Amino acid sequence: MTDREVLESLSAAELHDRATRLAWRRLDVGFLWHLLSTIPEARAAVGDEDRSEIDILRPLALLNDLVDADRGDLAEGLRPLYLDYLVEHDKPQDLAASDGPDLGAVGGTEEDADDRP
């Protein structure tokens, strides 16, 4: 089974957790910003157009949405983004690991420095 096939078998919530943990570990602000900017489109794609319009008009709503980006239809709408990020940036041995650094932790360890862009 390929890395992508392993990832495809995971839930959207698990993909979110892995992708965001990896992004935090790598200090990949670009991915996190891309995630935030994709949330309104994902909301519209899953039929939550009213909330999508609010997200576009109020950037702070996007930060609140980041907290919810691992749940329900929104997580499913963002699933391709998580998959692509993990396939491109995650190391094969990390696919088996389900735990990682706390999302609130900034900085990281010397070991994490290898993962930084």
PDB file of N, CA and C in Angstrom:
ATOM      1  N   MET A   1       0.845  -1.171   0.000  1.00  0.00           N
ATOM      2  CA  MET A   1       0.000   0.000   0.000  1.00  0.00           C
ATOM      3  C   MET A   1       0.900   1.247   0.000  1.00  0.00           C
ATOM      4  N   THR A   2       0.552   2.250  -0.825  1.00  0.00           N
ATOM      5  CA  THR A   2       1.346   3.478  -0.881  1.00  0.00           C
ATOM      6  C   THR A   2       1.024   4.373   0.309  1.00  0.00           C
ATOM      7  N   ASP A   3       1.888   5.346   0.513  1.00  0.00           N
ATOM      8  CA  ASP A   3       1.648   6.305   1.597  1.00  0.00           C
ATOM      9  C   ASP A   3       0.290   6.981   1.428  1.00  0.00           C
ATOM     10  N   ARG A   4      -0.041   7.348   0.197  1.00  0.00           N
ATOM     11  CA  ARG A   4      -1.315   8.021  -0.047  1.00  0.00           C
ATOM     12  C   ARG A   4      -2.485   7.088   0.287  1.00  0.00           C
ATOM     13  N   GLU A   5      -2.371   5.800  -0.059  1.00  0.00           N
ATOM     14  CA  GLU A   5      -3.437   4.849   0.253  1.00  0.00           C
ATOM     15  C   GLU A   5      -3.623   4.717   1.758  1.00  0.00           C
ATOM     16  N   VAL A   6      -2.521   4.708   2.504  1.00  0.00           N
ATOM     17  CA  VAL A   6      -2.600   4.652   3.965  1.00  0.00           C
ATOM     18  C   VAL A   6      -3.330   5.888   4.474  1.00  0.00           C
ATOM     19  N   LEU A   7      -2.960   7.047   3.950  1.00  0.00           N
ATOM     20  CA  LEU A   7      -3.605   8.285   4.379  1.00  0.00           C
ATOM     21  C   LEU A   7      -5.082   8.321   3.986  1.00  0.00           C
ATOM     22  N   GLU A   8      -5.404   7.849   2.794  1.00  0.00           N
ATOM     23  CA  GLU A   8      -6.803   7.837   2.333  1.00  0.00           C
ATOM     24  C   GLU A   8      -7.699   7.038   3.278  1.00  0.00           C
ATOM     25  N   SER A   9      -7.126   6.057   3.961  1.00  0.00           N
ATOM     26  CA  SER A   9      -7.930   5.219   4.854  1.00  0.00           C
ATOM     27  C   SER A   9      -8.248   5.908   6.180  1.00  0.00           C
ATOM     28  N   LEU A  10      -7.627   7.046   6.452  1.00  0.00           N
ATOM     29  CA  LEU A  10      -7.849   7.761   7.712  1.00  0.00           C
ATOM     30  C   LEU A  10      -9.087   8.649   7.624  1.00  0.00           C
ATOM     31  N   SER A  11      -9.652   8.958   8.772  1.00  0.00           N
ATOM     32  CA  SER A  11     -10.787   9.888   8.819  1.00  0.00           C
ATOM     33  C   SER A  11     -10.301  11.300   8.535  1.00  0.00           C
ATOM     34  N   ALA A  12     -11.221  12.167   8.154  1.00  0.00           N
ATOM     35  CA  ALA A  12     -10.866  13.562   7.904  1.00  0.00           C
ATOM     36  C   ALA A  12     -10.327  14.217   9.171  1.00  0.00           C
ATOM     37  N   ALA A  13     -10.876  13.866  10.319  1.00  0.00           N
ATOM     38  CA  ALA A  13     -10.389  14.427  11.585  1.00  0.00           C
ATOM     39  C   ALA A  13      -8.942  14.019  11.837  1.00  0.00           C
ATOM     40  N   GLU A  14      -8.603  12.755  11.557  1.00  0.00           N
ATOM     41  CA  GLU A  14      -7.231  12.293  11.752  1.00  0.00           C
ATOM     42  C   GLU A  14      -6.286  12.967  10.756  1.00  0.00           C
ATOM     43  N   LEU A  15      -6.744  13.143   9.520  1.00  0.00           N
ATOM     44  CA  LEU A  15      -5.922  13.844   8.541  1.00  0.00           C
ATOM     45  C   LEU A  15      -5.648  15.276   8.986  1.00  0.00           C
ATOM     46  N   HIS A  16      -6.677  15.939   9.493  1.00  0.00           N
ATOM     47  CA  HIS A  16      -6.513  17.304  10.016  1.00  0.00           C
ATOM     48  C   HIS A  16      -5.468  17.330  11.115  1.00  0.00           C
ATOM     49  N   ASP A  17      -5.608  16.419  12.074  1.00  0.00           N
ATOM     50  CA  ASP A  17      -4.675  16.389  13.207  1.00  0.00           C
ATOM     51  C   ASP A  17      -3.245  16.183  12.731  1.00  0.00           C
ATOM     52  N   ARG A  18      -3.043  15.237  11.837  1.00  0.00           N
ATOM     53  CA  ARG A  18      -1.687  14.949  11.354  1.00  0.00           C
ATOM     54  C   ARG A  18      -1.121  16.116  10.551  1.00  0.00           C
ATOM     55  N   ALA A  19      -1.935  16.683   9.659  1.00  0.00           N
ATOM     56  CA  ALA A  19      -1.447  17.778   8.821  1.00  0.00           C
ATOM     57  C   ALA A  19      -1.130  19.019   9.650  1.00  0.00           C
ATOM     58  N   THR A  20      -2.007  19.367  10.582  1.00  0.00           N
ATOM     59  CA  THR A  20      -1.743  20.564  11.374  1.00  0.00           C
ATOM     60  C   THR A  20      -0.585  20.354  12.348  1.00  0.00           C
ATOM     61  N   ARG A  21      -0.472  19.154  12.919  1.00  0.00           N
ATOM     62  CA  ARG A  21       0.687  18.885  13.790  1.00  0.00           C
ATOM     63  C   ARG A  21       1.987  18.991  12.999  1.00  0.00           C
ATOM     64  N   LEU A  22       1.998  18.431  11.790  1.00  0.00           N
ATOM     65  CA  LEU A  22       3.187  18.498  10.962  1.00  0.00           C
ATOM     66  C   LEU A  22       3.508  19.953  10.601  1.00  0.00           C
ATOM     67  N   ALA A  23       2.497  20.714  10.244  1.00  0.00           N
ATOM     68  CA  ALA A  23       2.710  22.120   9.889  1.00  0.00           C
ATOM     69  C   ALA A  23       3.267  22.904  11.079  1.00  0.00           C
ATOM     70  N   TRP A  24       2.719  22.679  12.268  1.00  0.00           N
ATOM     71  CA  TRP A  24       3.235  23.358  13.459  1.00  0.00           C
ATOM     72  C   TRP A  24       4.672  22.933  13.733  1.00  0.00           C
ATOM     73  N   ARG A  25       4.942  21.654  13.600  1.00  0.00           N
ATOM     74  CA  ARG A  25       6.293  21.144  13.841  1.00  0.00           C
ATOM     75  C   ARG A  25       7.290  21.757  12.861  1.00  0.00           C
ATOM     76  N   ARG A  26       6.860  21.944  11.616  1.00  0.00           N
ATOM     77  CA  ARG A  26       7.722  22.514  10.586  1.00  0.00           C
ATOM     78  C   ARG A  26       7.678  24.045  10.588  1.00  0.00           C
ATOM     79  N   LEU A  27       6.837  24.624  11.455  1.00  0.00           N
ATOM     80  CA  LEU A  27       6.604  26.074  11.465  1.00  0.00           C
ATOM     81  C   LEU A  27       6.192  26.549  10.077  1.00  0.00           C
ATOM     82  N   ASP A  28       5.311  25.763   9.456  1.00  0.00           N
ATOM     83  CA  ASP A  28       4.875  26.009   8.086  1.00  0.00           C
ATOM     84  C   ASP A  28       3.660  26.941   8.081  1.00  0.00           C
ATOM     85  N   VAL A  29       3.942  28.225   8.257  1.00  0.00           N
ATOM     86  CA  VAL A  29       2.889  29.231   8.302  1.00  0.00           C
ATOM     87  C   VAL A  29       2.151  29.286   6.965  1.00  0.00           C
ATOM     88  N   GLY A  30       2.854  29.010   5.886  1.00  0.00           N
ATOM     89  CA  GLY A  30       2.225  29.017   4.570  1.00  0.00           C
ATOM     90  C   GLY A  30       1.081  28.021   4.473  1.00  0.00           C
ATOM     91  N   PHE A  31       1.306  26.804   4.974  1.00  0.00           N
ATOM     92  CA  PHE A  31       0.229  25.813   4.939  1.00  0.00           C
ATOM     93  C   PHE A  31      -0.914  26.231   5.845  1.00  0.00           C
ATOM     94  N   LEU A  32      -0.602  26.699   7.052  1.00  0.00           N
ATOM     95  CA  LEU A  32      -1.657  27.098   7.982  1.00  0.00           C
ATOM     96  C   LEU A  32      -2.482  28.248   7.409  1.00  0.00           C
ATOM     97  N   TRP A  33      -1.822  29.205   6.748  1.00  0.00           N
ATOM     98  CA  TRP A  33      -2.566  30.292   6.114  1.00  0.00           C
ATOM     99  C   TRP A  33      -3.409  29.752   4.956  1.00  0.00           C
ATOM    100  N   HIS A  34      -2.836  28.836   4.176  1.00  0.00           N
ATOM    101  CA  HIS A  34      -3.588  28.229   3.070  1.00  0.00           C
ATOM    102  C   HIS A  34      -4.824  27.496   3.612  1.00  0.00           C
ATOM    103  N   LEU A  35      -4.668  26.792   4.725  1.00  0.00           N
ATOM    104  CA  LEU A  35      -5.795  26.116   5.355  1.00  0.00           C
ATOM    105  C   LEU A  35      -6.864  27.132   5.732  1.00  0.00           C
ATOM    106  N   LEU A  36      -6.465  28.203   6.399  1.00  0.00           N
ATOM    107  CA  LEU A  36      -7.427  29.229   6.801  1.00  0.00           C
ATOM    108  C   LEU A  36      -8.138  29.832   5.596  1.00  0.00           C
ATOM    109  N   SER A  37      -7.397  30.111   4.538  1.00  0.00           N
ATOM    110  CA  SER A  37      -8.009  30.747   3.377  1.00  0.00           C
ATOM    111  C   SER A  37      -8.876  29.785   2.571  1.00  0.00           C
ATOM    112  N   THR A  38      -8.703  28.485   2.761  1.00  0.00           N
ATOM    113  CA  THR A  38      -9.490  27.480   2.051  1.00  0.00           C
ATOM    114  C   THR A  38     -10.799  27.158   2.774  1.00  0.00           C
ATOM    115  N   ILE A  39     -10.888  27.477   4.039  1.00  0.00           N
ATOM    116  CA  ILE A  39     -12.078  27.133   4.825  1.00  0.00           C
ATOM    117  C   ILE A  39     -13.369  27.681   4.217  1.00  0.00           C
ATOM    118  N   PRO A  40     -13.432  28.961   3.785  1.00  0.00           N
ATOM    119  CA  PRO A  40     -14.695  29.423   3.186  1.00  0.00           C
ATOM    120  C   PRO A  40     -15.104  28.609   1.960  1.00  0.00           C
ATOM    121  N   GLU A  41     -14.137  28.243   1.120  1.00  0.00           N
ATOM    122  CA  GLU A  41     -14.443  27.435  -0.063  1.00  0.00           C
ATOM    123  C   GLU A  41     -14.943  26.052   0.343  1.00  0.00           C
ATOM    124  N   ALA A  42     -14.308  25.465   1.348  1.00  0.00           N
ATOM    125  CA  ALA A  42     -14.719  24.140   1.809  1.00  0.00           C
ATOM    126  C   ALA A  42     -16.121  24.203   2.400  1.00  0.00           C
ATOM    127  N   ARG A  43     -16.410  25.257   3.159  1.00  0.00           N
ATOM    128  CA  ARG A  43     -17.757  25.419   3.713  1.00  0.00           C
ATOM    129  C   ARG A  43     -18.788  25.514   2.585  1.00  0.00           C
ATOM    130  N   ALA A  44     -18.493  26.295   1.563  1.00  0.00           N
ATOM    131  CA  ALA A  44     -19.422  26.429   0.435  1.00  0.00           C
ATOM    132  C   ALA A  44     -19.586  25.093  -0.285  1.00  0.00           C
ATOM    133  N   ALA A  45     -18.488  24.355  -0.430  1.00  0.00           N
ATOM    134  CA  ALA A  45     -18.534  23.074  -1.139  1.00  0.00           C
ATOM    135  C   ALA A  45     -19.391  22.040  -0.423  1.00  0.00           C
ATOM    136  N   VAL A  46     -19.470  22.139   0.906  1.00  0.00           N
ATOM    137  CA  VAL A  46     -20.277  21.173   1.655  1.00  0.00           C
ATOM    138  C   VAL A  46     -21.662  21.728   1.989  1.00  0.00           C
ATOM    139  N   GLY A  47     -22.010  22.874   1.372  1.00  0.00           N
ATOM    140  CA  GLY A  47     -23.368  23.386   1.500  1.00  0.00           C
ATOM    141  C   GLY A  47     -23.598  24.397   2.604  1.00  0.00           C
ATOM    142  N   ASP A  48     -22.582  24.851   3.276  1.00  0.00           N
ATOM    143  CA  ASP A  48     -22.728  25.827   4.353  1.00  0.00           C
ATOM    144  C   ASP A  48     -22.391  27.217   3.819  1.00  0.00           C
ATOM    145  N   GLU A  49     -23.164  27.665   2.831  1.00  0.00           N
ATOM    146  CA  GLU A  49     -22.863  28.907   2.129  1.00  0.00           C
ATOM    147  C   GLU A  49     -23.011  30.138   3.007  1.00  0.00           C
ATOM    148  N   ASP A  50     -23.983  30.147   3.925  1.00  0.00           N
ATOM    149  CA  ASP A  50     -24.149  31.304   4.810  1.00  0.00           C
ATOM    150  C   ASP A  50     -22.899  31.514   5.662  1.00  0.00           C
ATOM    151  N   ARG A  51     -22.399  30.447   6.235  1.00  0.00           N
ATOM    152  CA  ARG A  51     -21.198  30.543   7.076  1.00  0.00           C
ATOM    153  C   ARG A  51     -19.984  30.895   6.218  1.00  0.00           C
ATOM    154  N   SER A  52     -19.943  30.410   4.990  1.00  0.00           N
ATOM    155  CA  SER A  52     -18.849  30.721   4.076  1.00  0.00           C
ATOM    156  C   SER A  52     -18.768  32.226   3.831  1.00  0.00           C
ATOM    157  N   GLU A  53     -19.925  32.862   3.607  1.00  0.00           N
ATOM    158  CA  GLU A  53     -19.939  34.307   3.373  1.00  0.00           C
ATOM    159  C   GLU A  53     -19.459  35.070   4.604  1.00  0.00           C
ATOM    160  N   ILE A  54     -19.837  34.610   5.780  1.00  0.00           N
ATOM    161  CA  ILE A  54     -19.383  35.251   7.021  1.00  0.00           C
ATOM    162  C   ILE A  54     -17.868  35.130   7.122  1.00  0.00           C
ATOM    163  N   ASP A  55     -17.332  33.955   6.814  1.00  0.00           N
ATOM    164  CA  ASP A  55     -15.888  33.741   6.882  1.00  0.00           C
ATOM    165  C   ASP A  55     -15.139  34.685   5.944  1.00  0.00           C
ATOM    166  N   ILE A  56     -15.701  34.910   4.767  1.00  0.00           N
ATOM    167  CA  ILE A  56     -15.049  35.786   3.798  1.00  0.00           C
ATOM    168  C   ILE A  56     -15.067  37.226   4.301  1.00  0.00           C
ATOM    169  N   LEU A  57     -16.170  37.626   4.910  1.00  0.00           N
ATOM    170  CA  LEU A  57     -16.317  39.004   5.362  1.00  0.00           C
ATOM    171  C   LEU A  57     -15.584  39.294   6.664  1.00  0.00           C
ATOM    172  N   ARG A  58     -15.409  38.293   7.515  1.00  0.00           N
ATOM    173  CA  ARG A  58     -14.808  38.508   8.828  1.00  0.00           C
ATOM    174  C   ARG A  58     -13.616  37.579   9.020  1.00  0.00           C
ATOM    175  N   PRO A  59     -12.425  38.081   8.797  1.00  0.00           N
ATOM    176  CA  PRO A  59     -11.239  37.223   8.931  1.00  0.00           C
ATOM    177  C   PRO A  59     -11.110  36.561  10.301  1.00  0.00           C
ATOM    178  N   LEU A  60     -11.564  37.196  11.363  1.00  0.00           N
ATOM    179  CA  LEU A  60     -11.469  36.557  12.679  1.00  0.00           C
ATOM    180  C   LEU A  60     -12.310  35.295  12.747  1.00  0.00           C
ATOM    181  N   ALA A  61     -13.379  35.240  11.965  1.00  0.00           N
ATOM    182  CA  ALA A  61     -14.192  34.028  11.927  1.00  0.00           C
ATOM    183  C   ALA A  61     -13.369  32.854  11.412  1.00  0.00           C
ATOM    184  N   LEU A  62     -12.394  33.138  10.545  1.00  0.00           N
ATOM    185  CA  LEU A  62     -11.531  32.074  10.036  1.00  0.00           C
ATOM    186  C   LEU A  62     -10.712  31.438  11.163  1.00  0.00           C
ATOM    187  N   LEU A  63     -10.223  32.258  12.077  1.00  0.00           N
ATOM    188  CA  LEU A  63      -9.463  31.710  13.197  1.00  0.00           C
ATOM    189  C   LEU A  63     -10.345  30.802  14.049  1.00  0.00           C
ATOM    190  N   ASN A  64     -11.589  31.205  14.247  1.00  0.00           N
ATOM    191  CA  ASN A  64     -12.521  30.340  14.976  1.00  0.00           C
ATOM    192  C   ASN A  64     -12.765  29.049  14.211  1.00  0.00           C
ATOM    193  N   ASP A  65     -12.840  29.149  12.900  1.00  0.00           N
ATOM    194  CA  ASP A  65     -13.070  27.959  12.077  1.00  0.00           C
ATOM    195  C   ASP A  65     -11.906  26.986  12.132  1.00  0.00           C
ATOM    196  N   LEU A  66     -10.705  27.515  12.337  1.00  0.00           N
ATOM    197  CA  LEU A  66      -9.546  26.632  12.424  1.00  0.00           C
ATOM    198  C   LEU A  66      -9.733  25.622  13.545  1.00  0.00           C
ATOM    199  N   VAL A  67     -10.374  26.052  14.611  1.00  0.00           N
ATOM    200  CA  VAL A  67     -10.639  25.160  15.744  1.00  0.00           C
ATOM    201  C   VAL A  67     -11.598  24.047  15.334  1.00  0.00           C
ATOM    202  N   ASP A  68     -12.528  24.356  14.426  1.00  0.00           N
ATOM    203  CA  ASP A  68     -13.543  23.389  14.000  1.00  0.00           C
ATOM    204  C   ASP A  68     -13.169  22.631  12.732  1.00  0.00           C
ATOM    205  N   ALA A  69     -11.984  22.864  12.190  1.00  0.00           N
ATOM    206  CA  ALA A  69     -11.620  22.315  10.885  1.00  0.00           C
ATOM    207  C   ALA A  69     -11.380  20.815  10.899  1.00  0.00           C
ATOM    208  N   ASP A  70     -11.529  20.187  12.051  1.00  0.00           N
ATOM    209  CA  ASP A  70     -11.346  18.736  12.123  1.00  0.00           C
ATOM    210  C   ASP A  70     -12.660  18.011  12.348  1.00  0.00           C
ATOM    211  N   ARG A  71     -13.786  18.718  12.181  1.00  0.00           N
ATOM    212  CA  ARG A  71     -15.077  18.121  12.521  1.00  0.00           C
ATOM    213  C   ARG A  71     -16.055  18.146  11.343  1.00  0.00           C
ATOM    214  N   GLY A  72     -16.819  17.105  11.248  1.00  0.00           N
ATOM    215  CA  GLY A  72     -17.972  17.038  10.363  1.00  0.00           C
ATOM    216  C   GLY A  72     -17.688  17.299   8.906  1.00  0.00           C
ATOM    217  N   ASP A  73     -18.660  17.974   8.281  1.00  0.00           N
ATOM    218  CA  ASP A  73     -18.585  18.235   6.843  1.00  0.00           C
ATOM    219  C   ASP A  73     -17.398  19.119   6.480  1.00  0.00           C
ATOM    220  N   LEU A  74     -17.049  20.071   7.356  1.00  0.00           N
ATOM    221  CA  LEU A  74     -15.907  20.935   7.059  1.00  0.00           C
ATOM    222  C   LEU A  74     -14.629  20.116   6.953  1.00  0.00           C
ATOM    223  N   ALA A  75     -14.426  19.188   7.858  1.00  0.00           N
ATOM    224  CA  ALA A  75     -13.237  18.328   7.794  1.00  0.00           C
ATOM    225  C   ALA A  75     -13.231  17.537   6.491  1.00  0.00           C
ATOM    226  N   GLU A  76     -14.386  17.035   6.089  1.00  0.00           N
ATOM    227  CA  GLU A  76     -14.475  16.291   4.828  1.00  0.00           C
ATOM    228  C   GLU A  76     -14.161  17.194   3.640  1.00  0.00           C
ATOM    229  N   GLY A  77     -14.633  18.447   3.680  1.00  0.00           N
ATOM    230  CA  GLY A  77     -14.360  19.387   2.607  1.00  0.00           C
ATOM    231  C   GLY A  77     -12.881  19.739   2.492  1.00  0.00           C
ATOM    232  N   LEU A  78     -12.178  19.706   3.617  1.00  0.00           N
ATOM    233  CA  LEU A  78     -10.750  20.025   3.642  1.00  0.00           C
ATOM    234  C   LEU A  78      -9.861  18.786   3.471  1.00  0.00           C
ATOM    235  N   ARG A  79     -10.463  17.625   3.415  1.00  0.00           N
ATOM    236  CA  ARG A  79      -9.727  16.358   3.320  1.00  0.00           C
ATOM    237  C   ARG A  79      -8.661  16.345   2.217  1.00  0.00           C
ATOM    238  N   PRO A  80      -8.978  16.808   0.971  1.00  0.00           N
ATOM    239  CA  PRO A  80      -7.954  16.792  -0.078  1.00  0.00           C
ATOM    240  C   PRO A  80      -6.736  17.660   0.268  1.00  0.00           C
ATOM    241  N   LEU A  81      -6.961  18.773   0.938  1.00  0.00           N
ATOM    242  CA  LEU A  81      -5.864  19.644   1.340  1.00  0.00           C
ATOM    243  C   LEU A  81      -4.948  18.925   2.325  1.00  0.00           C
ATOM    244  N   TYR A  82      -5.531  18.253   3.310  1.00  0.00           N
ATOM    245  CA  TYR A  82      -4.743  17.513   4.295  1.00  0.00           C
ATOM    246  C   TYR A  82      -3.960  16.376   3.625  1.00  0.00           C
ATOM    247  N   LEU A  83      -4.630  15.645   2.742  1.00  0.00           N
ATOM    248  CA  LEU A  83      -3.975  14.526   2.050  1.00  0.00           C
ATOM    249  C   LEU A  83      -2.771  15.003   1.239  1.00  0.00           C
ATOM    250  N   ASP A  84      -2.982  16.037   0.432  1.00  0.00           N
ATOM    251  CA  ASP A  84      -1.895  16.538  -0.407  1.00  0.00           C
ATOM    252  C   ASP A  84      -0.715  17.016   0.438  1.00  0.00           C
ATOM    253  N   TYR A  85      -0.998  17.718   1.527  1.00  0.00           N
ATOM    254  CA  TYR A  85       0.074  18.229   2.384  1.00  0.00           C
ATOM    255  C   TYR A  85       0.861  17.083   3.010  1.00  0.00           C
ATOM    256  N   LEU A  86       0.157  16.097   3.525  1.00  0.00           N
ATOM    257  CA  LEU A  86       0.832  14.976   4.176  1.00  0.00           C
ATOM    258  C   LEU A  86       1.642  14.146   3.185  1.00  0.00           C
ATOM    259  N   VAL A  87       1.100  13.917   2.003  1.00  0.00           N
ATOM    260  CA  VAL A  87       1.832  13.142   1.005  1.00  0.00           C
ATOM    261  C   VAL A  87       3.108  13.876   0.606  1.00  0.00           C
ATOM    262  N   GLU A  88       3.036  15.193   0.477  1.00  0.00           N
ATOM    263  CA  GLU A  88       4.197  15.961   0.046  1.00  0.00           C
ATOM    264  C   GLU A  88       5.250  16.136   1.143  1.00  0.00           C
ATOM    265  N   HIS A  89       4.830  16.289   2.395  1.00  0.00           N
ATOM    266  CA  HIS A  89       5.762  16.696   3.434  1.00  0.00           C
ATOM    267  C   HIS A  89       6.039  15.683   4.535  1.00  0.00           C
ATOM    268  N   ASP A  90       5.180  14.710   4.725  1.00  0.00           N
ATOM    269  CA  ASP A  90       5.340  13.785   5.852  1.00  0.00           C
ATOM    270  C   ASP A  90       6.309  12.667   5.489  1.00  0.00           C
ATOM    271  N   LYS A  91       7.098  12.257   6.451  1.00  0.00           N
ATOM    272  CA  LYS A  91       8.022  11.144   6.257  1.00  0.00           C
ATOM    273  C   LYS A  91       7.261   9.841   6.455  1.00  0.00           C
ATOM    274  N   PRO A  92       7.591   8.772   5.716  1.00  0.00           N
ATOM    275  CA  PRO A  92       6.859   7.505   5.825  1.00  0.00           C
ATOM    276  C   PRO A  92       6.762   6.973   7.252  1.00  0.00           C
ATOM    277  N   GLN A  93       7.812   7.097   8.053  1.00  0.00           N
ATOM    278  CA  GLN A  93       7.752   6.565   9.410  1.00  0.00           C
ATOM    279  C   GLN A  93       6.753   7.343  10.267  1.00  0.00           C
ATOM    280  N   ASP A  94       6.432   8.589   9.885  1.00  0.00           N
ATOM    281  CA  ASP A  94       5.477   9.385  10.645  1.00  0.00           C
ATOM    282  C   ASP A  94       4.039   8.946  10.399  1.00  0.00           C
ATOM    283  N   LEU A  95       3.791   8.220   9.303  1.00  0.00           N
ATOM    284  CA  LEU A  95       2.431   7.792   8.994  1.00  0.00           C
ATOM    285  C   LEU A  95       1.876   6.875  10.065  1.00  0.00           C
ATOM    286  N   ALA A  96       2.736   6.116  10.707  1.00  0.00           N
ATOM    287  CA  ALA A  96       2.279   5.190  11.740  1.00  0.00           C
ATOM    288  C   ALA A  96       2.093   5.892  13.084  1.00  0.00           C
ATOM    289  N   ALA A  97       2.662   7.065  13.250  1.00  0.00           N
ATOM    290  CA  ALA A  97       2.577   7.770  14.535  1.00  0.00           C
ATOM    291  C   ALA A  97       1.302   8.596  14.577  1.00  0.00           C
ATOM    292  N   SER A  98       0.528   8.440  15.618  1.00  0.00           N
ATOM    293  CA  SER A  98      -0.711   9.201  15.723  1.00  0.00           C
ATOM    294  C   SER A  98      -0.595  10.358  16.689  1.00  0.00           C
ATOM    295  N   ASP A  99       0.475  10.420  17.475  1.00  0.00           N
ATOM    296  CA  ASP A  99       0.609  11.538  18.386  1.00  0.00           C
ATOM    297  C   ASP A  99       1.722  12.445  17.911  1.00  0.00           C
ATOM    298  N   GLY A 100       1.680  13.676  18.356  1.00  0.00           N
ATOM    299  CA  GLY A 100       2.677  14.647  17.945  1.00  0.00           C
ATOM    300  C   GLY A 100       2.709  15.786  18.920  1.00  0.00           C
ATOM    301  N   PRO A 101       3.390  16.859  18.568  1.00  0.00           N
ATOM    302  CA  PRO A 101       3.509  17.982  19.474  1.00  0.00           C
ATOM    303  C   PRO A 101       2.174  18.676  19.677  1.00  0.00           C
ATOM    304  N   ASP A 102       2.052  19.344  20.791  1.00  0.00           N
ATOM    305  CA  ASP A 102       0.868  20.132  21.109  1.00  0.00           C
ATOM    306  C   ASP A 102       0.748  21.253  20.091  1.00  0.00           C
ATOM    307  N   LEU A 103      -0.465  21.491  19.556  1.00  0.00           N
ATOM    308  CA  LEU A 103      -0.662  22.527  18.558  1.00  0.00           C
ATOM    309  C   LEU A 103      -0.330  23.900  19.091  1.00  0.00           C
ATOM    310  N   GLY A 104      -0.378  24.083  20.400  1.00  0.00           N
ATOM    311  CA  GLY A 104      -0.050  25.366  20.977  1.00  0.00           C
ATOM    312  C   GLY A 104       1.438  25.572  21.125  1.00  0.00           C
ATOM    313  N   ALA A 105       2.208  24.533  20.938  1.00  0.00           N
ATOM    314  CA  ALA A 105       3.650  24.632  21.122  1.00  0.00           C
ATOM    315  C   ALA A 105       4.288  25.268  19.907  1.00  0.00           C
ATOM    316  N   VAL A 106       5.060  26.288  20.133  1.00  0.00           N
ATOM    317  CA  VAL A 106       5.789  26.940  19.066  1.00  0.00           C
ATOM    318  C   VAL A 106       7.258  26.734  19.350  1.00  0.00           C
ATOM    319  N   GLY A 107       8.023  26.551  18.348  1.00  0.00           N
ATOM    320  CA  GLY A 107       9.461  26.360  18.541  1.00  0.00           C
ATOM    321  C   GLY A 107       9.855  24.994  18.075  1.00  0.00           C
ATOM    322  N   GLY A 108       9.775  24.026  18.933  1.00  0.00           N
ATOM    323  CA  GLY A 108      10.136  22.662  18.570  1.00  0.00           C
ATOM    324  C   GLY A 108      11.480  22.294  19.109  1.00  0.00           C
ATOM    325  N   THR A 109      11.957  21.151  18.687  1.00  0.00           N
ATOM    326  CA  THR A 109      13.227  20.621  19.155  1.00  0.00           C
ATOM    327  C   THR A 109      14.228  20.640  18.019  1.00  0.00           C
ATOM    328  N   GLU A 110      15.455  20.307  18.325  1.00  0.00           N
ATOM    329  CA  GLU A 110      16.489  20.187  17.293  1.00  0.00           C
ATOM    330  C   GLU A 110      16.074  19.162  16.243  1.00  0.00           C
ATOM    331  N   GLU A 111      15.453  18.081  16.719  1.00  0.00           N
ATOM    332  CA  GLU A 111      14.999  17.025  15.810  1.00  0.00           C
ATOM    333  C   GLU A 111      13.986  17.569  14.814  1.00  0.00           C
ATOM    334  N   ASP A 112      13.089  18.464  15.272  1.00  0.00           N
ATOM    335  CA  ASP A 112      12.074  19.050  14.402  1.00  0.00           C
ATOM    336  C   ASP A 112      12.689  19.970  13.358  1.00  0.00           C
ATOM    337  N   ALA A 113      13.874  20.501  13.630  1.00  0.00           N
ATOM    338  CA  ALA A 113      14.498  21.438  12.708  1.00  0.00           C
ATOM    339  C   ALA A 113      14.718  20.803  11.331  1.00  0.00           C
ATOM    340  N   ASP A 114      14.910  19.488  11.274  1.00  0.00           N
ATOM    341  CA  ASP A 114      15.096  18.801   9.995  1.00  0.00           C
ATOM    342  C   ASP A 114      13.855  18.883   9.123  1.00  0.00           C
ATOM    343  N   ASP A 115      12.685  19.046   9.734  1.00  0.00           N
ATOM    344  CA  ASP A 115      11.431  19.082   9.001  1.00  0.00           C
ATOM    345  C   ASP A 115      11.096  20.468   8.482  1.00  0.00           C
ATOM    346  N   ARG A 116      11.823  21.485   8.890  1.00  0.00           N
ATOM    347  CA  ARG A 116      11.495  22.851   8.511  1.00  0.00           C
ATOM    348  C   ARG A 116      11.896  23.099   7.073  1.00  0.00           C
ATOM    349  N   PRO A 117      11.093  23.958   6.397  1.00  0.00           N
ATOM    350  CA  PRO A 117      11.409  24.295   4.988  1.00  0.00           C
ATOM    351  C   PRO A 117      12.686  25.084   4.871  1.00  0.00           C
TER     352      PRO A 117
END
